[in-house]
């Protein structure tokens, strides 16, 4: 297999990722070109002009590697090839070339905390206790009574240990039993995953989204996790409350101190290539920001991280301010990537609305708020259309997480249904075949084709807001400072050099008039798309789900 050399860029901008807008593509559900009902890389190429038209800076591709697809590609069996259902390496190279031609950076998912049980590494590891890869996974003896080595739980339900009859040992899996955890205490494992990373760097990839980045190492002593205490520093769940995973404080099965040194090795590899970046996914309860601080400080580990802080149901000024203020306080020299939606959570329009008619206004206000925060931002495919969460039957489900906890938890398929491109075409122009998940009927009127060029549509609003963000340097790298208001109003300033901007957002479903938080030094109102708030005699008058922007 030949490696494609990295493509040299005409201009260098090592900090392109600071304040960047990243668009997440879930390949299975984006665009199918061969009629099998599953999206593919050629489909991504077909739709790259659409992505570029949004005004984003980069795309993040969820896994497209060779995989048995037990967890929709997050169970990798070959880190250095494309799964045939998505295409070929030649397709990938063509996609890279076209993305770069359109001015888009490409970030790919690296799922290195675990592999598929069909990966050759694991197949060899499980054959004996003394083969060359015997220690590449987390193996442990049973307790004298035959039970698992400790009380660690899987995120996807049940114990985090699976018995193997050949080795007569248990192996660890933080997720499915078919996703055994790699043993990062073994230097050879680190070398192997870094070699796989280098493979994609050599093909010109611009960055990596590191899945479950705080899960790489485990406690060598295999100590039991203590019970979860509501007032402990890890309060808050990274799993639904129907899942017993949240009943433990995860002190020993993840977020181990050794991870910091490995992240330095990862960063050192990226430093050999110009203008590359990393964004880590940190799932660590209320400790997440402390973990982000450790992983992004010093300029020698990750470039940025994102957490689950804004991926919950709370769309209130107090919650948003708390998340951003907490990050500012704890992460002195690191960087954050904020998001309201991704492929693992209920779409934020559905999480944030009280009634269906609020979908459009909430979708528009949410991007105004997100685009005004300090940090990079990530958008999930379809949110620019205001798509709500799909309601699926149990028979439709493909997500093993949802199948395991149905009906108390419906899983992640509701946010993974196919993109709707044209309402009048079969399967909304996603595929000529039967899609792997159904196309929801209530998504059809919201198709990209229906909204494209329509004044007042959510899609048009997204494009306008992202253009506004790009036109104001203070929104890319400026400082942020929150202002005291009542509990239904979010107010803050963004400042960089001579540019000083004031933002006031009313998250209430009714109008509000509030005194100008800065007194009365406002120079002039700025027409941020979608905001109709006005300033009258030192008082800001705001409609429901509205906002105000001005220079000061």
Protein backbone atom coordinates (compact mmCIF):
# COMPACT_ATOMS: atom_id res chain seq x y z
CA UNK A 1 0.00 0.00 0.00
CA UNK A 2 1.60 3.27 -1.07
CA UNK A 3 1.52 6.36 1.06
CA UNK A 4 0.46 9.64 -0.42
CA UNK A 5 2.85 12.45 0.51
CA UNK A 6 1.55 15.46 2.40
CA UNK A 7 0.43 18.31 0.18
CA UNK A 8 2.33 21.54 0.83
CA UNK A 9 0.13 24.57 1.36
CA UNK A 10 0.89 27.96 -0.14
CA UNK A 11 0.44 29.78 3.15
CA UNK A 12 1.07 28.61 6.69
CA UNK A 13 -1.19 29.40 9.63
CA UNK A 14 -0.35 27.21 12.63
CA UNK A 15 -3.22 28.75 14.63
CA UNK A 16 -5.95 28.24 12.01
CA UNK A 17 -7.86 26.09 14.48
CA UNK A 18 -8.26 28.88 17.07
CA UNK A 19 -11.81 30.12 16.65
CA UNK A 20 -12.40 27.79 13.70
CA UNK A 21 -15.87 26.58 12.77
CA UNK A 22 -15.81 22.79 12.29
CA UNK A 23 -18.63 20.89 10.54
CA UNK A 24 -19.09 17.28 11.62
CA UNK A 25 -19.95 14.81 8.88
CA UNK A 26 -21.40 11.45 9.91
CA UNK A 27 -20.48 9.52 6.71
CA UNK A 28 -23.15 6.82 7.04
CA UNK A 29 -25.89 9.42 6.89
CA UNK A 30 -24.55 12.21 4.69
CA UNK A 31 -24.83 11.12 1.05
CA UNK A 32 -25.04 7.71 -0.61
CA UNK A 33 -23.85 7.40 -4.22
CA UNK A 34 -24.03 3.65 -4.87
CA UNK A 35 -27.59 2.87 -3.76
CA UNK A 36 -26.78 0.64 -0.79
CA UNK A 37 -28.51 3.00 1.66
CA UNK A 38 -25.27 3.94 3.43
CA UNK A 39 -23.43 7.19 2.85
CA UNK A 40 -19.95 7.07 1.36
CA UNK A 41 -16.87 9.16 0.65
CA UNK A 42 -17.92 9.92 -2.92
CA UNK A 43 -21.10 11.31 -1.43
CA UNK A 44 -19.06 13.59 0.80
CA UNK A 45 -17.16 14.81 -2.27
CA UNK A 46 -20.49 15.51 -3.99
CA UNK A 47 -21.67 17.65 -1.07
CA UNK A 48 -18.42 19.47 -0.24
CA UNK A 49 -19.56 22.61 -2.11
CA UNK A 50 -22.62 22.72 0.16
CA UNK A 51 -20.41 22.49 3.25
CA UNK A 52 -18.10 25.20 1.92
CA UNK A 53 -21.13 27.42 1.24
CA UNK A 54 -21.89 27.45 4.97
CA UNK A 55 -18.71 29.39 5.64
CA UNK A 56 -17.05 26.78 7.88
CA UNK A 57 -13.31 26.29 8.14
CA UNK A 58 -13.00 22.52 8.47
CA UNK A 59 -14.87 19.24 8.36
CA UNK A 60 -14.63 16.47 10.93
CA UNK A 61 -15.31 12.99 9.57
CA UNK A 62 -16.64 10.34 11.93
CA UNK A 63 -14.89 6.96 11.43
CA UNK A 64 -14.69 5.52 7.93
CA UNK A 65 -12.01 2.89 8.67
CA UNK A 66 -12.34 -0.86 8.09
CA UNK A 67 -14.72 -2.15 10.75
CA UNK A 68 -17.30 -4.85 11.49
CA UNK A 69 -19.59 -1.90 12.31
CA UNK A 70 -20.76 -3.26 15.65
CA UNK A 71 -20.60 0.33 16.94
CA UNK A 72 -20.99 2.10 13.60
CA UNK A 73 -17.27 2.26 12.87
CA UNK A 74 -16.04 3.10 16.36
CA UNK A 75 -14.81 -0.50 16.44
CA UNK A 76 -11.81 -0.36 14.10
CA UNK A 77 -10.25 -3.47 12.58
CA UNK A 78 -7.74 -1.66 10.34
CA UNK A 79 -6.53 1.86 11.17
CA UNK A 80 -4.92 2.36 7.77
CA UNK A 81 -7.67 1.62 5.28
CA UNK A 82 -11.17 2.69 4.29
CA UNK A 83 -14.07 0.32 4.90
CA UNK A 84 -15.40 -0.88 1.52
CA UNK A 85 -18.89 0.36 2.40
CA UNK A 86 -17.47 3.90 2.35
CA UNK A 87 -15.15 3.52 -0.64
CA UNK A 88 -11.39 3.31 -1.12
CA UNK A 89 -8.22 5.12 -0.19
CA UNK A 90 -8.30 6.65 -3.67
CA UNK A 91 -11.75 8.06 -2.85
CA UNK A 92 -10.36 9.46 0.38
CA UNK A 93 -7.44 11.10 -1.42
CA UNK A 94 -9.86 12.63 -3.94
CA UNK A 95 -12.00 13.94 -1.08
CA UNK A 96 -8.93 15.48 0.58
CA UNK A 97 -7.91 17.17 -2.65
CA UNK A 98 -11.36 18.62 -3.28
CA UNK A 99 -11.77 19.80 0.33
CA UNK A 100 -8.45 21.60 0.18
CA UNK A 101 -9.35 23.13 -3.17
CA UNK A 102 -12.48 24.55 -1.55
CA UNK A 103 -10.46 25.92 1.37
CA UNK A 104 -11.65 23.31 3.89
CA UNK A 105 -9.37 21.59 6.39
CA UNK A 106 -10.03 17.90 7.10
CA UNK A 107 -10.10 16.43 10.63
CA UNK A 108 -10.63 12.69 11.06
CA UNK A 109 -11.71 10.62 14.05
CA UNK A 110 -8.98 8.60 15.72
CA UNK A 111 -10.49 5.84 17.87
CA UNK A 112 -7.42 4.51 19.63
CA UNK A 113 -8.59 3.74 23.16
CA UNK A 114 -9.91 0.40 21.86
CA UNK A 115 -10.14 -1.67 18.70
CA UNK A 116 -12.57 -4.17 17.28
CA UNK A 117 -12.17 -7.75 18.48
CA UNK A 118 -11.66 -8.47 14.76
CA UNK A 119 -8.48 -6.39 14.63
CA UNK A 120 -5.41 -8.58 13.89
CA UNK A 121 -3.76 -7.25 17.04
CA UNK A 122 -6.52 -8.63 19.24
CA UNK A 123 -6.82 -11.87 17.31
CA UNK A 124 -3.16 -12.53 18.04
CA UNK A 125 -3.34 -11.26 21.62
CA UNK A 126 -6.10 -13.66 22.62
CA UNK A 127 -4.34 -16.80 21.29
CA UNK A 128 -2.07 -17.21 24.33
CA UNK A 129 -0.50 -15.45 27.29
CA UNK A 130 2.98 -15.38 25.77
CA UNK A 131 2.54 -14.29 22.13
CA UNK A 132 4.13 -11.11 20.76
CA UNK A 133 0.97 -9.09 21.43
CA UNK A 134 -0.14 -10.82 24.59
CA UNK A 135 0.16 -7.59 26.57
CA UNK A 136 -1.34 -5.26 23.94
CA UNK A 137 -4.77 -5.38 25.61
CA UNK A 138 -5.90 -5.22 29.23
CA UNK A 139 -5.98 -8.82 30.43
CA UNK A 140 -6.51 -9.89 34.04
CA UNK A 141 -7.10 -13.04 36.04
CA UNK A 142 -10.47 -13.85 37.52
CA UNK A 143 -11.05 -13.56 41.22
CA UNK A 144 -10.87 -16.92 43.06
CA UNK A 145 -14.64 -17.27 42.70
CA UNK A 146 -14.45 -16.77 38.92
CA UNK A 147 -15.93 -13.27 38.89
CA UNK A 148 -14.45 -10.25 37.12
CA UNK A 149 -11.21 -8.69 38.41
CA UNK A 150 -12.97 -5.64 39.82
CA UNK A 151 -16.23 -3.67 39.75
CA UNK A 152 -15.58 -1.55 36.64
CA UNK A 153 -18.60 -1.05 34.40
CA UNK A 154 -19.03 -0.65 30.66
CA UNK A 155 -20.54 2.59 29.35
CA UNK A 156 -22.79 0.42 27.19
CA UNK A 157 -24.09 -1.64 30.12
CA UNK A 158 -22.89 -4.51 32.30
CA UNK A 159 -19.37 -5.25 33.55
CA UNK A 160 -16.34 -3.83 31.73
CA UNK A 161 -14.85 -7.34 31.57
CA UNK A 162 -15.37 -10.25 29.19
CA UNK A 163 -14.13 -13.80 29.77
CA UNK A 164 -11.93 -15.42 27.11
CA UNK A 165 -11.85 -19.20 27.23
CA UNK A 166 -8.54 -19.62 25.38
CA UNK A 167 -6.45 -17.42 27.67
CA UNK A 168 -8.66 -18.21 30.68
CA UNK A 169 -8.57 -14.52 31.55
CA UNK A 170 -10.82 -11.51 31.38
CA UNK A 171 -10.20 -8.61 29.01
CA UNK A 172 -11.35 -5.06 29.62
CA UNK A 173 -13.84 -3.18 27.41
CA UNK A 174 -15.14 0.27 28.31
CA UNK A 175 -17.79 -0.06 25.61
CA UNK A 176 -19.03 -3.19 23.78
CA UNK A 177 -17.50 -6.58 24.54
CA UNK A 178 -16.41 -6.53 20.88
CA UNK A 179 -14.38 -3.36 21.60
CA UNK A 180 -11.45 -4.52 23.74
CA UNK A 181 -9.35 -1.78 25.34
CA UNK A 182 -5.76 -1.33 24.27
CA UNK A 183 -3.10 -1.41 26.99
CA UNK A 184 -1.41 1.97 26.72
CA UNK A 185 1.00 1.06 29.52
CA UNK A 186 2.73 -0.97 26.79
CA UNK A 187 5.06 1.30 24.79
CA UNK A 188 4.65 -0.90 21.71
CA UNK A 189 0.93 -0.10 21.68
CA UNK A 190 1.67 3.61 21.79
CA UNK A 191 4.14 3.22 18.92
CA UNK A 192 1.58 1.31 16.86
CA UNK A 193 -1.21 3.88 17.20
CA UNK A 194 1.25 6.69 16.50
CA UNK A 195 2.32 4.88 13.33
CA UNK A 196 -1.33 4.71 12.25
CA UNK A 197 -1.66 8.42 12.96
CA UNK A 198 1.43 9.11 10.84
CA UNK A 199 -0.15 7.18 7.97
CA UNK A 200 -2.96 9.75 7.77
CA UNK A 201 -0.65 12.70 8.36
CA UNK A 202 1.33 11.56 5.33
CA UNK A 203 -1.90 11.65 3.30
CA UNK A 204 -2.38 15.32 4.18
CA UNK A 205 -4.95 15.12 6.98
CA UNK A 206 -5.11 18.44 8.85
CA UNK A 207 -6.06 17.17 12.29
CA UNK A 208 -7.54 14.51 14.52
CA UNK A 209 -10.57 14.33 16.74
CA UNK A 210 -9.47 11.96 19.50
CA UNK A 211 -12.37 9.81 20.62
CA UNK A 212 -12.62 9.17 24.38
CA UNK A 213 -9.21 10.77 24.87
CA UNK A 214 -9.23 10.31 28.66
CA UNK A 215 -9.91 6.55 28.43
CA UNK A 216 -6.49 5.49 27.14
CA UNK A 217 -4.94 4.39 30.43
CA UNK A 218 -6.30 2.31 33.30
CA UNK A 219 -5.12 1.88 36.87
CA UNK A 220 -2.38 -0.78 36.87
CA UNK A 221 -3.54 -2.07 40.26
CA UNK A 222 -7.09 -2.54 38.96
CA UNK A 223 -8.56 -0.93 42.08
CA UNK A 224 -12.34 -0.88 42.46
CA UNK A 225 -14.10 2.37 41.67
CA UNK A 226 -15.85 3.87 44.72
CA UNK A 227 -19.58 4.66 44.67
CA UNK A 228 -20.59 7.90 43.05
CA UNK A 229 -21.20 10.67 45.57
CA UNK A 230 -23.54 13.47 44.43
CA UNK A 231 -21.34 16.20 45.90
CA UNK A 232 -18.02 14.77 44.69
CA UNK A 233 -15.89 16.48 42.06
CA UNK A 234 -17.01 13.96 39.44
CA UNK A 235 -20.70 14.74 39.98
CA UNK A 236 -22.57 14.72 36.69
CA UNK A 237 -23.07 11.87 34.29
CA UNK A 238 -21.52 11.13 30.92
CA UNK A 239 -24.22 8.48 30.53
CA UNK A 240 -28.03 8.57 30.85
CA UNK A 241 -29.33 8.17 34.38
CA UNK A 242 -30.91 4.82 33.47
CA UNK A 243 -27.36 3.46 33.15
CA UNK A 244 -25.66 2.13 36.33
CA UNK A 245 -22.36 3.44 34.91
CA UNK A 246 -23.23 6.72 36.63
CA UNK A 247 -23.39 5.03 40.03
CA UNK A 248 -19.60 4.89 40.24
CA UNK A 249 -16.91 7.54 40.62
CA UNK A 250 -14.62 6.62 37.75
CA UNK A 251 -11.33 7.18 39.50
CA UNK A 252 -9.45 4.17 38.21
CA UNK A 253 -10.84 3.03 34.85
CA UNK A 254 -10.04 6.31 33.02
CA UNK A 255 -8.33 9.73 33.33
CA UNK A 256 -5.08 8.31 34.68
CA UNK A 257 -2.02 10.57 35.10
CA UNK A 258 0.07 8.57 32.60
CA UNK A 259 -2.15 9.90 29.81
CA UNK A 260 -0.46 13.30 29.89
CA UNK A 261 2.90 11.88 28.77
CA UNK A 262 1.31 9.98 25.89
CA UNK A 263 -0.45 13.13 24.70
CA UNK A 264 2.96 14.81 24.63
CA UNK A 265 4.17 12.01 22.33
CA UNK A 266 1.13 12.51 20.12
CA UNK A 267 1.72 16.27 19.93
CA UNK A 268 5.43 15.78 19.17
CA UNK A 269 4.46 13.69 16.13
CA UNK A 270 2.09 16.41 14.89
CA UNK A 271 4.80 19.04 15.34
CA UNK A 272 6.72 17.28 12.54
CA UNK A 273 3.95 18.41 10.14
CA UNK A 274 2.93 22.03 9.53
CA UNK A 275 -0.44 23.44 10.57
CA UNK A 276 -1.95 20.30 12.14
CA UNK A 277 -4.34 20.21 15.09
CA UNK A 278 -6.02 17.95 17.64
CA UNK A 279 -9.35 18.15 19.43
CA UNK A 280 -9.95 15.70 22.26
CA UNK A 281 -13.30 14.37 23.45
CA UNK A 282 -13.33 14.46 27.25
CA UNK A 283 -16.10 12.62 29.08
CA UNK A 284 -15.33 12.98 32.78
CA UNK A 285 -18.36 14.30 34.65
CA UNK A 286 -17.74 17.53 36.57
CA UNK A 287 -14.00 16.83 36.41
CA UNK A 288 -14.05 17.43 32.66
CA UNK A 289 -12.72 20.98 32.74
CA UNK A 290 -9.94 20.00 35.13
CA UNK A 291 -9.03 17.25 32.67
CA UNK A 292 -9.19 19.68 29.74
CA UNK A 293 -6.83 21.99 31.63
CA UNK A 294 -4.33 19.17 32.11
CA UNK A 295 -4.59 18.04 28.47
CA UNK A 296 -4.36 21.44 26.74
CA UNK A 297 -1.97 23.46 28.92
CA UNK A 298 1.63 24.21 28.07
CA UNK A 299 1.37 24.00 24.29
CA UNK A 300 2.83 20.49 24.25
CA UNK A 301 -0.26 18.26 24.41
CA UNK A 302 -3.66 18.68 22.74
CA UNK A 303 -4.51 21.89 20.90
CA UNK A 304 -8.09 21.89 22.20
CA UNK A 305 -10.78 19.71 23.77
CA UNK A 306 -14.52 19.61 24.00
CA UNK A 307 -16.65 18.29 26.83
CA UNK A 308 -20.30 17.35 27.33
CA UNK A 309 -21.05 20.55 29.27
CA UNK A 310 -23.22 22.15 26.57
CA UNK A 311 -24.56 18.84 25.23
CA UNK A 312 -27.28 18.51 27.87
CA UNK A 313 -30.84 19.87 28.12
CA UNK A 314 -29.96 23.18 29.78
CA UNK A 315 -30.20 26.22 27.47
CA UNK A 316 -30.16 28.91 30.12
CA UNK A 317 -27.94 31.94 30.70
CA UNK A 318 -26.77 30.66 34.07
CA UNK A 319 -25.68 27.29 32.67
CA UNK A 320 -23.90 28.72 29.64
CA UNK A 321 -22.15 31.33 31.77
CA UNK A 322 -21.14 28.72 34.34
CA UNK A 323 -19.62 26.45 31.67
CA UNK A 324 -17.65 29.23 29.97
CA UNK A 325 -16.60 30.92 33.23
CA UNK A 326 -15.48 27.59 34.67
CA UNK A 327 -13.40 26.91 31.59
CA UNK A 328 -11.83 30.38 31.73
CA UNK A 329 -11.01 29.92 35.42
CA UNK A 330 -9.56 26.41 35.20
CA UNK A 331 -7.94 26.39 31.76
CA UNK A 332 -5.47 29.26 31.78
CA UNK A 333 -3.55 28.62 28.55
CA UNK A 334 -5.62 25.97 26.78
CA UNK A 335 -8.43 26.16 24.23
CA UNK A 336 -11.94 24.79 24.03
CA UNK A 337 -14.28 23.70 21.26
CA UNK A 338 -17.95 24.33 22.06
CA UNK A 339 -20.85 22.40 20.54
CA UNK A 340 -24.58 22.03 21.16
CA UNK A 341 -24.98 18.80 19.13
CA UNK A 342 -23.05 15.81 17.85
CA UNK A 343 -23.64 12.18 16.82
CA UNK A 344 -23.99 10.96 20.42
CA UNK A 345 -26.71 13.21 21.86
CA UNK A 346 -30.29 14.25 21.14
CA UNK A 347 -30.32 17.11 18.63
CA UNK A 348 -30.23 20.40 20.51
CA UNK A 349 -33.36 21.85 18.91
CA UNK A 350 -35.33 19.03 20.52
CA UNK A 351 -33.47 19.39 23.82
CA UNK A 352 -33.98 23.15 24.04
CA UNK A 353 -37.57 23.72 22.85
CA UNK A 354 -40.74 23.65 24.95
CA UNK A 355 -43.12 23.30 21.98
CA UNK A 356 -42.72 22.53 18.25
CA UNK A 357 -43.29 26.09 17.02
CA UNK A 358 -40.13 27.19 18.85
CA UNK A 359 -37.91 25.04 16.62
CA UNK A 360 -36.95 27.77 14.16
CA UNK A 361 -36.44 30.61 16.67
CA UNK A 362 -34.47 28.40 19.05
CA UNK A 363 -32.29 27.02 16.24
CA UNK A 364 -31.47 30.56 15.13
CA UNK A 365 -30.79 31.94 18.60
CA UNK A 366 -28.63 28.93 19.48
CA UNK A 367 -26.21 29.55 16.60
CA UNK A 368 -26.09 33.26 17.49
CA UNK A 369 -25.03 32.33 21.02
CA UNK A 370 -22.61 29.58 19.97
CA UNK A 371 -20.93 31.75 17.33
CA UNK A 372 -20.40 34.52 19.89
CA UNK A 373 -18.62 32.42 22.53
CA UNK A 374 -14.86 32.34 22.96
CA UNK A 375 -13.40 29.16 21.53
CA UNK A 376 -13.71 27.09 18.39
CA UNK A 377 -17.16 25.73 17.58
CA UNK A 378 -18.40 22.48 16.11
CA UNK A 379 -21.61 22.08 14.13
CA UNK A 380 -23.27 18.71 13.54
CA UNK A 381 -24.69 17.91 10.12
CA UNK A 382 -28.34 18.91 9.87
CA UNK A 383 -28.36 21.39 12.72
CA UNK A 384 -28.03 24.15 10.11
CA UNK A 385 -31.44 22.98 8.87
CA UNK A 386 -32.96 23.04 12.35
CA UNK A 387 -33.57 19.28 12.27
CA UNK A 388 -35.27 17.91 15.38
CA UNK A 389 -34.51 14.53 16.91
CA UNK A 390 -36.11 11.70 14.91
CA UNK A 391 -38.66 9.48 16.61
CA UNK A 392 -37.81 5.86 15.76
CA UNK A 393 -39.41 2.54 16.62
CA UNK A 394 -37.45 -0.18 18.37
CA UNK A 395 -37.46 -2.15 15.11
CA UNK A 396 -35.64 0.71 13.38
CA UNK A 397 -32.79 0.93 15.90
CA UNK A 398 -29.22 0.08 14.92
CA UNK A 399 -27.43 1.60 17.90
CA UNK A 400 -26.36 -1.11 20.38
CA UNK A 401 -26.50 1.44 23.21
CA UNK A 402 -30.14 2.24 22.54
CA UNK A 403 -31.08 -1.40 22.01
CA UNK A 404 -29.49 -2.27 25.37
CA UNK A 405 -31.39 0.37 27.39
CA UNK A 406 -34.68 0.62 25.45
CA UNK A 407 -37.24 1.98 26.24
CA UNK A 408 -35.85 4.09 29.10
CA UNK A 409 -33.11 5.36 26.77
CA UNK A 410 -33.73 5.42 23.03
CA UNK A 411 -30.09 5.57 22.02
CA UNK A 412 -28.32 7.72 19.47
CA UNK A 413 -30.02 6.78 16.21
CA UNK A 414 -32.48 9.66 16.48
CA UNK A 415 -29.71 12.14 15.67
CA UNK A 416 -28.09 9.93 13.03
CA UNK A 417 -30.84 9.67 10.44
CA UNK A 418 -29.98 10.62 6.84
CA UNK A 419 -29.47 14.21 5.75
CA UNK A 420 -32.46 15.60 3.87
CA UNK A 421 -31.33 17.22 0.64
CA UNK A 422 -34.50 17.52 -1.47
CA UNK A 423 -38.02 16.93 -0.18
CA UNK A 424 -39.44 15.85 -3.55
CA UNK A 425 -36.83 13.19 -4.30
CA UNK A 426 -36.89 9.54 -3.14
CA UNK A 427 -35.35 9.27 0.33
CA UNK A 428 -34.88 13.06 0.27
CA UNK A 429 -32.10 12.57 -2.32
CA UNK A 430 -29.90 10.82 0.25
CA UNK A 431 -29.97 7.46 -1.55
CA UNK A 432 -31.68 5.60 -4.36
CA UNK A 433 -31.90 2.56 -2.08
CA UNK A 434 -33.40 1.87 1.33
CA UNK A 435 -31.49 3.97 3.90
CA UNK A 436 -29.85 2.26 6.85
CA UNK A 437 -32.09 4.42 9.06
CA UNK A 438 -35.43 5.81 7.89
CA UNK A 439 -35.76 9.38 6.62
CA UNK A 440 -38.21 11.07 9.05
CA UNK A 441 -41.28 12.55 7.38
CA UNK A 442 -41.10 15.68 9.54
CA UNK A 443 -37.58 16.36 8.25
CA UNK A 444 -38.68 16.61 4.60
CA UNK A 445 -40.02 20.21 4.72
CA UNK A 446 -36.70 21.24 6.30
CA UNK A 447 -34.52 19.90 3.48
CA UNK A 448 -31.48 21.83 2.31
CA UNK A 449 -33.11 22.32 -1.07
CA UNK A 450 -36.24 23.80 0.47
CA UNK A 451 -34.26 26.23 2.64
CA UNK A 452 -31.49 27.19 0.22
CA UNK A 453 -31.84 30.83 -0.75
CA UNK A 454 -35.01 31.26 1.29
CA UNK A 455 -34.82 34.45 3.32
CA UNK A 456 -35.56 33.75 6.96
CA UNK A 457 -34.75 30.02 6.81
CA UNK A 458 -32.55 28.43 9.44
CA UNK A 459 -30.02 27.52 6.73
CA UNK A 460 -29.79 31.11 5.47
CA UNK A 461 -29.47 32.29 9.06
CA UNK A 462 -26.56 29.94 9.75
CA UNK A 463 -24.71 31.17 6.69
CA UNK A 464 -25.24 34.79 7.69
CA UNK A 465 -24.17 34.26 11.30
CA UNK A 466 -21.01 32.37 10.33
CA UNK A 467 -20.13 35.17 7.88
CA UNK A 468 -20.68 37.68 10.71
CA UNK A 469 -18.39 35.71 13.00
CA UNK A 470 -15.66 35.57 10.39
CA UNK A 471 -15.92 39.34 9.80
CA UNK A 472 -15.23 40.21 13.44
CA UNK A 473 -11.76 39.25 14.75
CA UNK A 474 -12.93 39.70 18.34
CA UNK A 475 -15.19 36.65 17.86
CA UNK A 476 -12.31 34.49 16.65
CA UNK A 477 -9.73 35.07 19.37
CA UNK A 478 -10.98 37.96 21.52
CA UNK A 479 -11.44 37.84 25.29
CA UNK A 480 -14.87 37.24 26.84
CA UNK A 481 -16.28 38.82 29.99
CA UNK A 482 -19.76 38.15 31.34
CA UNK A 483 -21.97 40.92 32.69
CA UNK A 484 -24.50 40.66 35.50
CA UNK A 485 -28.15 40.66 34.40
CA UNK A 486 -31.30 38.86 35.45
CA UNK A 487 -31.47 35.09 35.17
CA UNK A 488 -33.12 35.00 31.74
CA UNK A 489 -30.56 37.19 29.98
CA UNK A 490 -27.06 36.24 28.84
CA UNK A 491 -24.79 39.26 28.44
CA UNK A 492 -21.07 39.42 27.70
CA UNK A 493 -18.42 41.36 25.86
CA UNK A 494 -15.89 40.18 23.29
CA UNK A 495 -12.80 42.34 22.91
CA UNK A 496 -9.68 42.22 20.74
CA UNK A 497 -7.57 45.32 20.23
CA UNK A 498 -9.80 48.22 19.25
CA UNK A 499 -12.80 45.99 18.54
CA UNK A 500 -15.11 45.86 21.55
CA UNK A 501 -18.46 44.12 21.15
CA UNK A 502 -21.44 43.73 23.48
CA UNK A 503 -23.87 40.80 23.17
CA UNK A 504 -27.16 40.48 25.05
CA UNK A 505 -29.39 37.43 24.49
CA UNK A 506 -32.92 36.91 25.82
CA UNK A 507 -33.52 33.19 26.31
CA UNK A 508 -36.99 33.81 27.75
CA UNK A 509 -40.08 32.94 25.69
CA UNK A 510 -41.46 36.44 26.38
CA UNK A 511 -40.13 39.98 25.81
CA UNK A 512 -37.77 41.68 28.22
CA UNK A 513 -36.48 45.18 28.79
CA UNK A 514 -33.25 45.48 30.72
CA UNK A 515 -30.95 48.32 31.67
CA UNK A 516 -27.84 48.51 29.55
CA UNK A 517 -25.33 46.37 31.49
CA UNK A 518 -22.41 48.71 30.70
CA UNK A 519 -24.17 51.89 31.71
CA UNK A 520 -24.43 53.90 28.49
CA UNK A 521 -21.12 53.85 26.56
CA UNK A 522 -22.54 52.08 23.50
CA UNK A 523 -21.30 53.61 20.25
CA UNK A 524 -23.62 51.98 17.75
CA UNK A 525 -25.85 48.95 17.30
CA UNK A 526 -24.50 46.18 15.06
CA UNK A 527 -26.87 44.21 12.87
CA UNK A 528 -25.96 40.67 13.91
CA UNK A 529 -28.19 38.44 11.76
CA UNK A 530 -31.52 37.63 13.38
CA UNK A 531 -31.20 40.00 16.34
CA UNK A 532 -33.88 42.69 16.53
CA UNK A 533 -33.20 44.10 19.98
CA UNK A 534 -33.03 47.90 20.27
CA UNK A 535 -31.56 50.45 22.66
CA UNK A 536 -33.94 53.15 23.89
CA UNK A 537 -32.87 55.65 26.55
CA UNK A 538 -30.27 53.32 28.07
CA UNK A 539 -32.63 50.32 28.10
CA UNK A 540 -32.33 47.31 25.81
CA UNK A 541 -35.69 46.13 24.54
CA UNK A 542 -35.70 42.46 23.57
CA UNK A 543 -38.34 40.27 22.00
CA UNK A 544 -38.77 36.57 22.87
CA UNK A 545 -35.69 34.50 21.99
CA UNK A 546 -34.01 37.62 20.69
CA UNK A 547 -30.79 39.52 21.18
CA UNK A 548 -28.86 42.75 20.84
CA UNK A 549 -25.35 43.47 19.59
CA UNK A 550 -23.41 46.74 19.69
CA UNK A 551 -19.97 48.31 19.73
CA UNK A 552 -18.87 50.04 22.89
